[in-house]
Amino acid sequence: MRIVGIAWRGSSRWLIGALVCTAAAGVMTAIFGDRAGRENLPLVFLSVITLVALYFGALAGVLGSISAAVIFTLFLFPPIWSPLVHDLGERSNVGWMLLGGIAISYLFAPRSPSNPPS
């Protein structure tokens, strides 16, 4: 079974990677939520997404990017508990993180020797 161009594997490795990415986003939100410079946190989080995609695969990176964007939108930027982000810079940083995270996940995900790029 294929989901959005990614082969669905029987292992739960991708799920572990997505959970790692989600947990890291939650921890970073809790630590840096009230500090100056928090608007750049989604861009810094791209390094976490890159590591997750390298070790756990593209699906983990894509799901981790989506879950991190939801966490940052709901819990980091005002108004809290709302899917709206009022500041244009913060909103664009979340958008760039989401776009960059998905692209990085596909670029840096490991490929098996039996499945070369087309």
C-alpha atoms as a PDB file:
ATOM      1  CA  MET A   1       0.000   0.000   0.000  1.00  0.00           C
ATOM      2  CA  ARG A   2       1.366   3.434  -0.904  1.00  0.00           C
ATOM      3  CA  ILE A   3       0.557   6.722   0.794  1.00  0.00           C
ATOM      4  CA  VAL A   4       1.505   9.903  -1.069  1.00  0.00           C
ATOM      5  CA  GLY A   5       4.400   8.264  -2.881  1.00  0.00           C
ATOM      6  CA  ILE A   6       5.794   6.609   0.248  1.00  0.00           C
ATOM      7  CA  ALA A   7       5.706   2.855   0.622  1.00  0.00           C
ATOM      8  CA  TRP A   8       3.801   1.821   3.736  1.00  0.00           C
ATOM      9  CA  ARG A   9       6.122  -0.463   5.633  1.00  0.00           C
ATOM     10  CA  GLY A  10       5.048  -3.098   8.065  1.00  0.00           C
ATOM     11  CA  SER A  11       7.426  -1.826  10.734  1.00  0.00           C
ATOM     12  CA  SER A  12       6.568   0.941  13.131  1.00  0.00           C
ATOM     13  CA  ARG A  13       9.891   2.747  12.637  1.00  0.00           C
ATOM     14  CA  TRP A  14       8.174   5.711  10.953  1.00  0.00           C
ATOM     15  CA  LEU A  15       5.723   5.998  13.857  1.00  0.00           C
ATOM     16  CA  ILE A  16       8.559   6.158  16.387  1.00  0.00           C
ATOM     17  CA  GLY A  17      10.219   8.906  14.339  1.00  0.00           C
ATOM     18  CA  ALA A  18       7.001  10.916  14.103  1.00  0.00           C
ATOM     19  CA  LEU A  19       6.524  10.607  17.867  1.00  0.00           C
ATOM     20  CA  VAL A  20      10.109  11.733  18.483  1.00  0.00           C
ATOM     21  CA  CYS A  21       9.534  14.792  16.315  1.00  0.00           C
ATOM     22  CA  THR A  22       6.222  15.563  18.025  1.00  0.00           C
ATOM     23  CA  ALA A  23       7.751  15.194  21.489  1.00  0.00           C
ATOM     24  CA  ALA A  24      10.686  17.423  20.543  1.00  0.00           C
ATOM     25  CA  ALA A  25       8.290  20.119  19.313  1.00  0.00           C
ATOM     26  CA  GLY A  26       6.371  19.931  22.575  1.00  0.00           C
ATOM     27  CA  VAL A  27       9.510  20.147  24.696  1.00  0.00           C
ATOM     28  CA  MET A  28      10.909  23.048  22.679  1.00  0.00           C
ATOM     29  CA  THR A  29       7.582  24.877  22.986  1.00  0.00           C
ATOM     30  CA  ALA A  30       7.576  24.383  26.757  1.00  0.00           C
ATOM     31  CA  ILE A  31      11.185  25.544  27.151  1.00  0.00           C
ATOM     32  CA  PHE A  32      11.301  28.464  24.713  1.00  0.00           C
ATOM     33  CA  GLY A  33       7.650  29.564  24.738  1.00  0.00           C
ATOM     34  CA  ASP A  34       8.172  32.662  26.847  1.00  0.00           C
ATOM     35  CA  ARG A  35      11.625  33.722  25.648  1.00  0.00           C
ATOM     36  CA  ALA A  36      12.692  36.333  23.144  1.00  0.00           C
ATOM     37  CA  GLY A  37      13.361  34.988  19.683  1.00  0.00           C
ATOM     38  CA  ARG A  38      10.644  32.369  19.819  1.00  0.00           C
ATOM     39  CA  GLU A  39       9.464  33.409  16.343  1.00  0.00           C
ATOM     40  CA  ASN A  40      12.572  31.689  14.929  1.00  0.00           C
ATOM     41  CA  LEU A  41      11.936  28.401  16.731  1.00  0.00           C
ATOM     42  CA  PRO A  42      10.175  26.746  13.749  1.00  0.00           C
ATOM     43  CA  LEU A  43      13.170  27.471  11.518  1.00  0.00           C
ATOM     44  CA  VAL A  44      15.577  26.041  14.096  1.00  0.00           C
ATOM     45  CA  PHE A  45      13.310  22.992  14.345  1.00  0.00           C
ATOM     46  CA  LEU A  46      14.149  22.117  10.736  1.00  0.00           C
ATOM     47  CA  SER A  47      17.342  20.531  12.081  1.00  0.00           C
ATOM     48  CA  VAL A  48      15.249  18.138  14.185  1.00  0.00           C
ATOM     49  CA  ILE A  49      13.103  17.285  11.176  1.00  0.00           C
ATOM     50  CA  THR A  50      16.250  16.601   9.138  1.00  0.00           C
ATOM     51  CA  LEU A  51      17.585  14.192  11.764  1.00  0.00           C
ATOM     52  CA  VAL A  52      14.238  12.423  12.047  1.00  0.00           C
ATOM     53  CA  ALA A  53      14.047  12.010   8.265  1.00  0.00           C
ATOM     54  CA  LEU A  54      17.615  10.679   8.144  1.00  0.00           C
ATOM     55  CA  TYR A  55      17.111   8.059  10.837  1.00  0.00           C
ATOM     56  CA  PHE A  56      13.425   7.157  10.534  1.00  0.00           C
ATOM     57  CA  GLY A  57      12.486   7.880   6.923  1.00  0.00           C
ATOM     58  CA  ALA A  58      10.458  10.293   4.847  1.00  0.00           C
ATOM     59  CA  LEU A  59       7.064   9.418   6.302  1.00  0.00           C
ATOM     60  CA  ALA A  60       8.298  10.151   9.826  1.00  0.00           C
ATOM     61  CA  GLY A  61       9.694  13.498   8.668  1.00  0.00           C
ATOM     62  CA  VAL A  62       6.480  14.503   6.904  1.00  0.00           C
ATOM     63  CA  LEU A  63       4.245  13.525   9.824  1.00  0.00           C
ATOM     64  CA  GLY A  64       6.662  15.138  12.271  1.00  0.00           C
ATOM     65  CA  SER A  65       6.607  18.373  10.255  1.00  0.00           C
ATOM     66  CA  ILE A  66       2.828  18.463  10.270  1.00  0.00           C
ATOM     67  CA  SER A  67       2.544  17.701  13.981  1.00  0.00           C
ATOM     68  CA  ALA A  68       5.233  20.280  14.845  1.00  0.00           C
ATOM     69  CA  ALA A  69       3.417  22.938  12.809  1.00  0.00           C
ATOM     70  CA  VAL A  70       0.189  22.180  14.690  1.00  0.00           C
ATOM     71  CA  ILE A  71       1.955  22.290  18.072  1.00  0.00           C
ATOM     72  CA  PHE A  72       3.714  25.564  17.310  1.00  0.00           C
ATOM     73  CA  THR A  73       0.534  27.139  15.965  1.00  0.00           C
ATOM     74  CA  LEU A  74      -1.640  26.090  18.907  1.00  0.00           C
ATOM     75  CA  PHE A  75       0.765  26.384  21.845  1.00  0.00           C
ATOM     76  CA  LEU A  76       3.636  28.721  20.943  1.00  0.00           C
ATOM     77  CA  PHE A  77       2.245  31.748  19.119  1.00  0.00           C
ATOM     78  CA  PRO A  78      -0.578  34.004  20.315  1.00  0.00           C
ATOM     79  CA  PRO A  79      -3.466  33.571  20.522  1.00  0.00           C
ATOM     80  CA  ILE A  80      -2.736  30.355  22.408  1.00  0.00           C
ATOM     81  CA  TRP A  81      -5.171  27.447  21.813  1.00  0.00           C
ATOM     82  CA  SER A  82      -6.188  28.963  18.488  1.00  0.00           C
ATOM     83  CA  PRO A  83      -5.229  27.821  14.985  1.00  0.00           C
ATOM     84  CA  LEU A  84      -4.659  31.469  14.060  1.00  0.00           C
ATOM     85  CA  VAL A  85      -1.269  33.181  14.290  1.00  0.00           C
ATOM     86  CA  HIS A  86      -1.645  36.956  14.316  1.00  0.00           C
ATOM     87  CA  ASP A  87       1.958  37.995  13.658  1.00  0.00           C
ATOM     88  CA  LEU A  88       2.885  37.739   9.987  1.00  0.00           C
ATOM     89  CA  GLY A  89       6.529  36.819  10.711  1.00  0.00           C
ATOM     90  CA  GLU A  90       5.578  33.994  13.053  1.00  0.00           C
ATOM     91  CA  ARG A  91       2.975  32.719  10.593  1.00  0.00           C
ATOM     92  CA  SER A  92       5.439  32.727   7.713  1.00  0.00           C
ATOM     93  CA  ASN A  93       8.079  30.917   9.808  1.00  0.00           C
ATOM     94  CA  VAL A  94       5.607  28.126  10.570  1.00  0.00           C
ATOM     95  CA  GLY A  95       4.738  27.919   6.883  1.00  0.00           C
ATOM     96  CA  TRP A  96       8.390  27.792   5.857  1.00  0.00           C
ATOM     97  CA  MET A  97       9.056  25.109   8.474  1.00  0.00           C
ATOM     98  CA  LEU A  98       6.194  23.023   7.122  1.00  0.00           C
ATOM     99  CA  LEU A  99       7.259  23.440   3.501  1.00  0.00           C
ATOM    100  CA  GLY A 100      10.940  22.959   4.266  1.00  0.00           C
ATOM    101  CA  GLY A 101      10.298  20.007   6.553  1.00  0.00           C
ATOM    102  CA  ILE A 102       8.358  18.121   3.910  1.00  0.00           C
ATOM    103  CA  ALA A 103      10.962  18.888   1.241  1.00  0.00           C
ATOM    104  CA  ILE A 104      13.860  17.943   3.517  1.00  0.00           C
ATOM    105  CA  SER A 105      12.109  14.721   4.488  1.00  0.00           C
ATOM    106  CA  TYR A 106      11.955  13.627   0.877  1.00  0.00           C
ATOM    107  CA  LEU A 107      15.482  14.808   0.073  1.00  0.00           C
ATOM    108  CA  PHE A 108      17.333  13.303   3.024  1.00  0.00           C
ATOM    109  CA  ALA A 109      15.342  10.156   3.695  1.00  0.00           C
ATOM    110  CA  PRO A 110      17.441   7.024   3.220  1.00  0.00           C
ATOM    111  CA  ARG A 111      16.713   4.913   0.170  1.00  0.00           C
ATOM    112  CA  SER A 112      17.099   1.196  -0.019  1.00  0.00           C
ATOM    113  CA  PRO A 113      19.433  -0.177  -2.708  1.00  0.00           C
ATOM    114  CA  SER A 114      16.514  -2.048  -4.248  1.00  0.00           C
ATOM    115  CA  ASN A 115      14.523   1.220  -4.629  1.00  0.00           C
ATOM    116  CA  PRO A 116      16.779   3.729  -6.461  1.00  0.00           C
ATOM    117  CA  PRO A 117      15.453   7.181  -7.341  1.00  0.00           C
ATOM    118  CA  SER A 118      13.652   7.354 -10.658  1.00  0.00           C
END
